[in-house]
Amino acid sequence: MLLAIDLGNTNIVLGVFDGARLVDTWRLATMRERTADELALLVDLLLARGGSETSGTAGVGTAMGGRAKTGIAKGAIDAIVLASVVPPLTASIEEMARRSFGLTALTVEPGVNAGMPILCEHPREVGADRVVNAVAAYEQWGRQAGRPIIIVDLGTATTLDAVSVAGAYLGGAICPGVQMSADALFQRAARLPRVAVRKPARVIGRTTVDAMESGLFFGYVGMVESLIRRMRDELGGDALCVATGGLAGAIAGETRLIDRVEPDLTLQGLRMVWERNQA
């Protein structure tokens, strides 16, 4: 079994694979000061409470008609793969892998071990998560369709990345994430309140909060659409667009330019990068 870890600026997303099957996933808040020991305790707890669901296990959940999880044995983890954009925590997770599992984590390094050509001026500066997403999108859809790929990741930052028909990472665009923009609006404008990022009932807001929600949500839809169109033009016009990240479903519901939404794209890409390195 493979433990895949996506270490992002806002969340640490973990997933366990049994072969190609994603058994379970978890999400932790990214705290840069966490130690290897703290991470080990958290991962142990997640594994003990994770796994496949079963209705035949005795316990409160099943007694009440619910479903319990079988748990994942720590010793069943054979390998660990990591993509990180938070350098201070990378070493802590690598140490956790060594001390808690007795394993050396495969840390993805674009231009070194990702298994995808990086056609940028400085390949090793590209975020590992962006390349991992590109690997997953190309292998699952681009290769078979014979089309270039655009990946939209709506996370802490909003990134759009392009992959050629031949499976090479070409580059992309990086924008502030929608929540980052909302926070900046609140902090820099004294009379504007903090608002949640969500789809409002109408574009023309009748209150200040309505107007802010409209600008944030529909403004991001327009930005994403514009960048997809421009990138498609540069790629030849027939690129397939895949979206991932927390707001992917909401944004994709407002545009026809996004062809697929894949919440676990980064974890799937980590599995594929690990398999490539074993081969």
Protein backbone atom coordinates (compact mmCIF):
# COMPACT_ATOMS: atom_id res chain seq x y z
CA MET A 1 0.00 0.00 0.00
CA LEU A 2 1.17 3.52 -0.83
CA LEU A 3 0.76 6.60 1.38
CA ALA A 4 0.57 9.70 -0.83
CA ILE A 5 0.99 13.13 0.78
CA ASP A 6 0.20 16.46 -0.89
CA LEU A 7 1.71 19.18 1.29
CA GLY A 8 0.04 22.45 0.30
CA ASN A 9 0.02 25.97 1.70
CA THR A 10 -3.41 25.58 3.34
CA ASN A 11 -3.91 21.84 3.77
CA ILE A 12 -1.98 18.59 3.92
CA VAL A 13 -3.96 16.01 1.94
CA LEU A 14 -3.16 12.35 2.53
CA GLY A 15 -4.39 9.29 0.68
CA VAL A 16 -3.72 5.57 0.88
CA PHE A 17 -3.66 3.48 -2.30
CA ASP A 18 -4.05 -0.27 -2.54
CA GLY A 19 -2.63 -0.68 -6.03
CA ALA A 20 -4.54 1.84 -8.15
CA ARG A 21 -7.51 1.99 -5.77
CA LEU A 22 -7.71 5.00 -3.47
CA VAL A 23 -8.75 3.45 -0.15
CA ASP A 24 -9.20 6.59 1.95
CA THR A 25 -8.25 10.27 2.11
CA TRP A 26 -7.80 12.84 4.87
CA ARG A 27 -7.14 16.56 5.14
CA LEU A 28 -5.09 18.34 7.82
CA ALA A 29 -4.45 22.04 8.31
CA THR A 30 -0.94 23.03 7.23
CA MET A 31 0.98 24.23 10.29
CA ARG A 32 4.61 24.96 9.48
CA GLU A 33 5.78 24.47 13.06
CA ARG A 34 4.56 20.86 13.31
CA THR A 35 7.27 18.38 14.24
CA ALA A 36 7.89 14.89 12.89
CA ASP A 37 6.55 13.41 16.15
CA GLU A 38 3.30 15.38 15.92
CA LEU A 39 2.83 14.33 12.31
CA ALA A 40 3.48 10.70 13.22
CA LEU A 41 0.76 10.78 15.90
CA LEU A 42 -1.75 12.34 13.50
CA VAL A 43 -1.01 9.86 10.72
CA ASP A 44 -1.26 6.92 13.13
CA LEU A 45 -4.70 8.13 14.25
CA LEU A 46 -5.90 8.64 10.69
CA LEU A 47 -4.79 5.17 9.62
CA ALA A 48 -6.44 3.56 12.65
CA ARG A 49 -9.75 5.24 11.84
CA GLY A 50 -9.57 4.88 8.07
CA GLY A 51 -9.94 2.15 5.49
CA SER A 52 -12.91 0.55 3.78
CA GLU A 53 -16.37 0.70 5.28
CA THR A 54 -17.99 -2.44 6.66
CA SER A 55 -21.39 -3.11 8.19
CA GLY A 56 -20.29 -6.27 9.98
CA THR A 57 -18.00 -4.80 12.62
CA ALA A 58 -19.30 -4.58 16.15
CA GLY A 59 -19.38 -1.13 17.66
CA VAL A 60 -21.51 1.93 18.27
CA GLY A 61 -21.70 2.88 14.59
CA THR A 62 -22.96 -0.49 13.41
CA ALA A 63 -25.15 -0.96 16.47
CA MET A 64 -26.99 2.20 15.48
CA GLY A 65 -27.35 0.99 11.90
CA GLY A 66 -24.33 2.89 10.61
CA ARG A 67 -21.11 1.70 8.99
CA ALA A 68 -17.69 1.38 10.59
CA LYS A 69 -14.24 1.51 8.98
CA THR A 70 -11.84 -1.39 9.17
CA GLY A 71 -8.72 0.65 9.86
CA ILE A 72 -5.44 0.49 7.92
CA ALA A 73 -2.55 -1.37 9.53
CA LYS A 74 0.50 0.84 9.81
CA GLY A 75 2.72 -2.06 8.79
CA ALA A 76 0.76 -2.43 5.55
CA ILE A 77 2.22 0.85 4.23
CA ASP A 78 5.01 -0.19 1.86
CA ALA A 79 5.98 3.20 0.43
CA ILE A 80 5.45 6.95 0.84
CA VAL A 81 5.43 9.62 -1.87
CA LEU A 82 5.38 13.35 -1.18
CA ALA A 83 4.78 16.55 -3.14
CA SER A 84 5.47 19.72 -1.18
CA VAL A 85 5.28 23.47 -1.71
CA VAL A 86 6.11 24.19 1.95
CA PRO A 87 9.87 23.64 2.40
CA PRO A 88 9.88 24.03 6.23
CA LEU A 89 7.53 21.03 6.55
CA THR A 90 9.11 18.84 3.89
CA ALA A 91 11.95 17.75 6.17
CA SER A 92 9.50 17.02 9.01
CA ILE A 93 7.43 14.70 6.85
CA GLU A 94 10.53 12.96 5.49
CA GLU A 95 11.73 12.45 9.07
CA MET A 96 8.29 11.15 10.08
CA ALA A 97 8.46 8.60 7.25
CA ARG A 98 11.86 7.36 8.41
CA ARG A 99 11.18 7.24 12.14
CA SER A 100 7.54 6.12 12.17
CA PHE A 101 7.41 3.84 9.10
CA GLY A 102 11.06 2.95 8.51
CA LEU A 103 10.67 4.21 4.93
CA THR A 104 12.42 6.76 2.76
CA ALA A 105 9.76 8.98 1.20
CA LEU A 106 10.00 9.72 -2.50
CA THR A 107 9.86 13.52 -2.63
CA VAL A 108 8.77 14.70 -6.08
CA GLU A 109 11.24 17.08 -7.70
CA PRO A 110 10.15 18.50 -11.08
CA GLY A 111 12.84 18.15 -13.68
CA VAL A 112 14.47 15.33 -11.66
CA ASN A 113 12.12 12.45 -10.85
CA ALA A 114 8.58 13.43 -11.94
CA GLY A 115 8.83 11.45 -15.17
CA MET A 116 7.53 14.30 -17.34
CA PRO A 117 9.59 16.63 -19.56
CA ILE A 118 9.46 20.19 -18.19
CA LEU A 119 9.81 22.66 -21.06
CA CYS A 120 10.32 25.72 -18.85
CA GLU A 121 13.41 27.90 -18.47
CA HIS A 122 13.94 26.75 -14.88
CA PRO A 123 12.27 23.30 -14.51
CA ARG A 124 13.16 22.82 -10.84
CA GLU A 125 11.32 26.04 -9.90
CA VAL A 126 7.95 24.64 -11.02
CA GLY A 127 5.72 23.61 -8.10
CA ALA A 128 5.69 19.86 -7.51
CA ASP A 129 1.90 19.84 -7.17
CA ARG A 130 1.48 21.45 -10.60
CA VAL A 131 3.63 18.83 -12.30
CA VAL A 132 1.96 15.98 -10.40
CA ASN A 133 -1.44 17.27 -11.56
CA ALA A 134 -0.12 17.44 -15.11
CA VAL A 135 1.07 13.83 -14.96
CA ALA A 136 -2.31 12.59 -13.72
CA ALA A 137 -4.37 14.58 -16.23
CA TYR A 138 -2.24 13.57 -19.19
CA GLU A 139 -2.13 9.87 -18.28
CA GLN A 140 -5.86 9.62 -17.56
CA TRP A 141 -7.24 11.70 -20.44
CA GLY A 142 -4.69 13.47 -22.63
CA ARG A 143 -2.72 10.45 -23.86
CA GLN A 144 -5.79 8.48 -24.92
CA ALA A 145 -7.56 11.47 -26.50
CA GLY A 146 -4.44 12.68 -28.30
CA ARG A 147 -5.17 16.23 -27.17
CA PRO A 148 -3.27 18.84 -25.13
CA ILE A 149 -4.42 19.32 -21.56
CA ILE A 150 -5.16 22.38 -19.42
CA ILE A 151 -5.31 21.80 -15.66
CA VAL A 152 -7.07 24.36 -13.46
CA ASP A 153 -6.27 24.02 -9.74
CA LEU A 154 -8.47 26.22 -7.55
CA GLY A 155 -6.57 26.07 -4.27
CA THR A 156 -4.75 28.65 -2.12
CA ALA A 157 -3.50 30.01 -5.43
CA THR A 158 -5.36 29.49 -8.71
CA THR A 159 -3.04 27.85 -11.22
CA LEU A 160 -3.55 26.89 -14.86
CA ASP A 161 -1.05 24.51 -16.42
CA ALA A 162 -0.62 23.28 -19.99
CA VAL A 163 0.55 19.87 -21.24
CA SER A 164 1.36 19.17 -24.87
CA VAL A 165 -0.05 16.34 -26.99
CA ALA A 166 3.27 14.57 -26.51
CA GLY A 167 2.99 14.75 -22.71
CA ALA A 168 5.42 17.58 -21.93
CA TYR A 169 4.74 20.23 -19.30
CA LEU A 170 4.75 23.59 -21.07
CA GLY A 171 4.11 26.12 -18.29
CA GLY A 172 1.05 28.03 -17.19
CA ALA A 173 -0.40 30.91 -15.20
CA ILE A 174 -0.55 31.64 -11.45
CA CYS A 175 -3.20 33.91 -9.88
CA PRO A 176 -4.21 34.70 -6.30
CA GLY A 177 -6.73 32.22 -4.98
CA VAL A 178 -10.30 33.39 -4.55
CA GLN A 179 -10.10 33.16 -0.72
CA MET A 180 -6.82 35.07 -0.79
CA SER A 181 -8.53 37.81 -2.79
CA ALA A 182 -11.45 37.89 -0.38
CA ASP A 183 -9.08 38.26 2.58
CA ALA A 184 -7.15 41.03 0.83
CA LEU A 185 -10.37 42.91 0.11
CA PHE A 186 -11.35 42.74 3.77
CA GLN A 187 -7.90 43.78 5.03
CA ARG A 188 -7.30 46.67 2.63
CA ALA A 189 -10.78 48.23 2.52
CA ALA A 190 -11.78 49.55 5.93
CA ARG A 191 -15.54 49.58 5.36
CA LEU A 192 -15.87 46.19 3.67
CA PRO A 193 -16.72 43.14 5.81
CA ARG A 194 -15.22 39.66 5.59
CA VAL A 195 -17.40 37.45 3.38
CA ALA A 196 -17.55 33.77 2.53
CA VAL A 197 -16.71 32.73 -1.02
CA ARG A 198 -19.90 31.29 -2.51
CA LYS A 199 -22.19 31.65 -5.48
CA PRO A 200 -24.67 34.49 -4.86
CA ALA A 201 -28.27 34.47 -6.04
CA ARG A 202 -27.66 37.24 -8.61
CA VAL A 203 -24.81 39.11 -10.26
CA ILE A 204 -26.14 42.56 -9.38
CA GLY A 205 -25.84 42.64 -5.59
CA ARG A 206 -28.34 44.68 -3.60
CA THR A 207 -26.19 44.88 -0.49
CA THR A 208 -22.49 45.38 0.06
CA VAL A 209 -22.07 41.72 0.99
CA ASP A 210 -24.04 40.61 -2.09
CA ALA A 211 -21.87 42.81 -4.30
CA MET A 212 -18.66 41.43 -2.80
CA GLU A 213 -19.83 37.83 -3.19
CA SER A 214 -20.77 38.52 -6.81
CA GLY A 215 -17.45 40.14 -7.65
CA LEU A 216 -15.44 37.38 -6.03
CA PHE A 217 -17.36 34.42 -7.43
CA PHE A 218 -18.39 35.56 -10.92
CA GLY A 219 -15.18 37.55 -11.29
CA TYR A 220 -13.21 34.33 -10.79
CA VAL A 221 -15.43 32.47 -13.24
CA GLY A 222 -14.67 35.14 -15.84
CA MET A 223 -10.94 35.10 -15.08
CA VAL A 224 -10.72 31.32 -15.37
CA GLU A 225 -12.72 31.32 -18.61
CA SER A 226 -10.54 34.01 -20.15
CA LEU A 227 -7.30 32.19 -19.29
CA ILE A 228 -8.64 28.85 -20.58
CA ARG A 229 -9.64 30.46 -23.89
CA ARG A 230 -6.26 32.14 -24.33
CA MET A 231 -4.36 29.00 -23.44
CA ARG A 232 -6.49 26.93 -25.82
CA ASP A 233 -5.69 29.38 -28.60
CA GLU A 234 -1.95 28.97 -27.94
CA LEU A 235 -2.30 25.17 -27.79
CA GLY A 236 -4.25 24.90 -31.04
CA GLY A 237 -7.86 25.19 -29.89
CA ASP A 238 -8.79 21.62 -28.92
CA ALA A 239 -7.25 21.30 -25.43
CA LEU A 240 -9.13 19.26 -22.83
CA CYS A 241 -9.63 21.12 -19.54
CA VAL A 242 -9.56 19.35 -16.15
CA ALA A 243 -10.28 21.14 -12.87
CA THR A 244 -9.34 20.23 -9.31
CA GLY A 245 -9.20 21.97 -5.93
CA GLY A 246 -11.78 23.08 -3.38
CA LEU A 247 -13.84 25.35 -5.65
CA ALA A 248 -13.52 23.24 -8.80
CA GLY A 249 -17.07 21.92 -8.67
CA ALA A 250 -18.64 25.33 -8.08
CA ILE A 251 -16.63 27.08 -10.81
CA ALA A 252 -17.10 24.23 -13.30
CA GLY A 253 -20.85 24.48 -12.82
CA GLU A 254 -20.76 28.03 -14.22
CA THR A 255 -18.74 27.44 -17.39
CA ARG A 256 -18.75 25.04 -20.33
CA LEU A 257 -15.01 25.39 -20.81
CA ILE A 258 -14.13 22.89 -18.05
CA ASP A 259 -14.58 19.35 -19.32
CA ARG A 260 -13.93 17.33 -16.15
CA VAL A 261 -13.68 17.82 -12.40
CA GLU A 262 -11.33 15.48 -10.53
CA PRO A 263 -11.07 16.14 -6.75
CA ASP A 264 -8.30 13.57 -6.19
CA LEU A 265 -6.15 14.56 -9.18
CA THR A 266 -3.03 15.37 -7.13
CA LEU A 267 -3.13 12.12 -5.15
CA GLN A 268 -3.59 10.12 -8.35
CA GLY A 269 -0.64 11.95 -9.88
CA LEU A 270 1.52 11.14 -6.86
CA ARG A 271 0.72 7.45 -7.29
CA MET A 272 1.67 7.62 -10.96
CA VAL A 273 4.96 9.41 -10.25
CA TRP A 274 5.82 6.80 -7.64
CA GLU A 275 5.05 3.98 -10.10
CA ARG A 276 7.22 5.61 -12.76
CA ASN A 277 10.13 5.77 -10.35
CA GLN A 278 9.75 2.08 -9.48
CA ALA A 279 9.83 1.18 -13.16
